[in-house]
Amino acid sequence: MTPEFHRDKAKRITRAMRHFTTRDYEAVIEGCMLAGTHWFNVAMHKFGLRPPADDVLHAEYLHTAERTRINLVAPRMLKAIDEIEASRALYVRGNVKGGRRAARRALRNLEVIKQTARGARAINKRRGISPHAG
């Protein structure tokens, strides 16, 4: 998908999330995961780390070398998406106390991912090096 398509999907998901409060922490966390993954892909495509035809579905399953590249370019974003993903097991599928706090944290992490994506610019553009190599 193109960065614009991902962006539009993320915005639609975020708009739908306005119906929830942190009492609905499962829905908030899931919404942050869905919207966050789209924003994450916006960043990957804009940074040139992934071509538009190759989307990330789950950042936690990326190959170690790719996670390292992403961590060098956008460490806060990678940490944020990882935290949202990890909270799903505890609060969405599990029954750990503190779901409302986790929902607030997921919303903050979503904002980090979104801001990173909005500010993303192609890397290695001047050198003519393909960011997809290696």
Protein backbone atom coordinates (compact mmCIF):
# COMPACT_ATOMS: atom_id res chain seq x y z
CA MET A 1 0.00 0.00 0.00
CA THR A 2 1.13 3.54 -0.57
CA PRO A 3 1.95 5.83 2.35
CA GLU A 4 -1.18 7.85 1.54
CA PHE A 5 -3.40 4.77 1.67
CA HIS A 6 -1.92 3.77 5.05
CA ARG A 7 -2.32 7.32 6.34
CA ASP A 8 -5.99 7.43 5.33
CA LYS A 9 -6.67 4.08 6.99
CA ALA A 10 -4.92 5.20 10.18
CA LYS A 11 -6.97 8.39 10.27
CA ARG A 12 -10.23 6.46 9.80
CA ILE A 13 -9.35 4.06 12.60
CA THR A 14 -8.38 6.92 14.89
CA ARG A 15 -11.66 8.71 14.17
CA ALA A 16 -13.58 5.56 15.05
CA MET A 17 -11.66 5.31 18.32
CA ARG A 18 -13.23 8.59 19.48
CA HIS A 19 -16.24 6.52 20.53
CA PHE A 20 -14.13 4.77 23.18
CA THR A 21 -12.76 5.86 26.53
CA THR A 22 -9.99 4.24 28.53
CA ARG A 23 -12.72 2.14 30.19
CA ASP A 24 -12.88 0.42 26.82
CA TYR A 25 -9.18 -0.25 27.11
CA GLU A 26 -9.26 -3.41 24.96
CA ALA A 27 -10.73 -1.47 22.03
CA VAL A 28 -8.36 1.45 22.58
CA ILE A 29 -5.30 -0.80 22.63
CA GLU A 30 -6.48 -2.72 19.55
CA GLY A 31 -7.28 0.52 17.75
CA CYS A 32 -3.83 1.87 18.59
CA MET A 33 -2.31 -1.34 17.24
CA LEU A 34 -4.24 -1.09 13.97
CA ALA A 35 -3.69 2.64 13.45
CA GLY A 36 -0.12 2.37 14.70
CA THR A 37 0.70 -0.36 12.20
CA HIS A 38 -0.57 1.83 9.37
CA TRP A 39 1.45 4.82 10.59
CA PHE A 40 4.45 2.50 11.01
CA ASN A 41 4.10 1.49 7.35
CA VAL A 42 3.81 5.14 6.33
CA ALA A 43 7.17 5.72 7.99
CA MET A 44 8.76 2.59 6.51
CA HIS A 45 7.73 3.60 3.00
CA LYS A 46 8.70 7.27 3.43
CA PHE A 47 12.08 6.38 4.96
CA GLY A 48 12.60 4.03 2.02
CA LEU A 49 13.08 1.04 4.34
CA ARG A 50 10.21 -0.86 2.69
CA PRO A 51 8.73 -0.54 -0.80
CA PRO A 52 4.97 0.17 -0.98
CA ALA A 53 4.27 -3.41 -2.06
CA ASP A 54 5.92 -4.80 1.10
CA ASP A 55 4.06 -3.84 4.28
CA VAL A 56 4.94 -4.70 7.86
CA LEU A 57 2.16 -6.68 9.55
CA HIS A 58 3.78 -7.20 12.95
CA ALA A 59 6.96 -5.36 13.85
CA GLU A 60 7.83 -7.96 16.47
CA TYR A 61 8.25 -10.60 13.74
CA LEU A 62 10.66 -8.60 11.59
CA HIS A 63 14.07 -10.11 10.95
CA THR A 64 16.74 -8.96 13.39
CA ALA A 65 18.71 -7.09 10.73
CA GLU A 66 15.63 -5.16 9.64
CA ARG A 67 14.71 -4.31 13.24
CA THR A 68 18.27 -3.04 13.71
CA ARG A 69 17.98 -0.76 10.65
CA ILE A 70 14.63 0.57 11.86
CA ASN A 71 16.04 1.08 15.34
CA LEU A 72 18.88 3.17 13.90
CA VAL A 73 16.47 5.37 11.95
CA ALA A 74 13.47 5.59 14.31
CA PRO A 75 14.16 4.00 17.72
CA ARG A 76 11.27 5.70 19.54
CA MET A 77 8.80 4.54 16.91
CA LEU A 78 10.00 0.93 17.06
CA LYS A 79 9.82 0.97 20.86
CA ALA A 80 6.32 2.47 20.74
CA ILE A 81 4.90 -0.14 18.34
CA ASP A 82 6.55 -2.92 20.36
CA GLU A 83 4.96 -1.63 23.58
CA ILE A 84 1.50 -1.51 22.03
CA GLU A 85 1.94 -5.03 20.66
CA ALA A 86 3.11 -6.34 24.03
CA SER A 87 0.19 -4.75 25.88
CA ARG A 88 -2.29 -6.71 23.75
CA ALA A 89 -1.30 -10.01 25.35
CA LEU A 90 -1.69 -8.63 28.85
CA TYR A 91 -4.76 -6.43 28.59
CA VAL A 92 -6.70 -7.45 25.49
CA ARG A 93 -6.25 -11.21 25.55
CA GLY A 94 -5.28 -11.41 29.21
CA ASN A 95 -6.81 -10.14 32.42
CA VAL A 96 -4.02 -8.11 33.99
CA LYS A 97 -5.12 -5.13 36.08
CA GLY A 98 -4.29 -1.64 34.88
CA GLY A 99 -6.02 -1.71 31.50
CA ARG A 100 -7.00 1.96 31.61
CA ARG A 101 -3.40 2.98 32.28
CA ALA A 102 -2.26 0.70 29.44
CA ALA A 103 -4.80 2.35 27.11
CA ARG A 104 -3.43 5.79 27.96
CA ARG A 105 0.10 4.51 27.30
CA ALA A 106 -1.02 3.02 23.97
CA LEU A 107 -2.47 6.38 22.94
CA ARG A 108 0.81 8.11 23.78
CA ASN A 109 2.71 5.47 21.82
CA LEU A 110 0.36 5.90 18.87
CA GLU A 111 1.17 9.62 18.89
CA VAL A 112 4.93 8.85 18.80
CA ILE A 113 4.43 6.54 15.81
CA LYS A 114 2.21 9.06 14.01
CA GLN A 115 4.61 11.97 14.54
CA THR A 116 7.55 9.87 13.38
CA ALA A 117 5.64 8.89 10.24
CA ARG A 118 4.66 12.47 9.50
CA GLY A 119 8.26 13.61 9.78
CA ALA A 120 9.79 10.68 7.90
CA ARG A 121 12.00 11.50 4.94
CA ALA A 122 13.89 9.19 2.56
CA ILE A 123 17.27 8.08 3.85
CA ASN A 124 20.31 7.55 1.61
CA LYS A 125 18.64 9.61 -1.13
CA ARG A 126 21.72 11.75 -1.83
CA ARG A 127 24.11 8.83 -2.09
CA GLY A 128 21.98 6.88 -4.55
CA ILE A 129 22.13 3.86 -2.26
CA SER A 130 19.12 1.59 -2.29
CA PRO A 131 17.72 1.41 1.26
CA HIS A 132 16.26 -2.00 0.40
CA ALA A 133 19.68 -3.54 -0.24
CA GLY A 134 21.31 -5.80 2.29
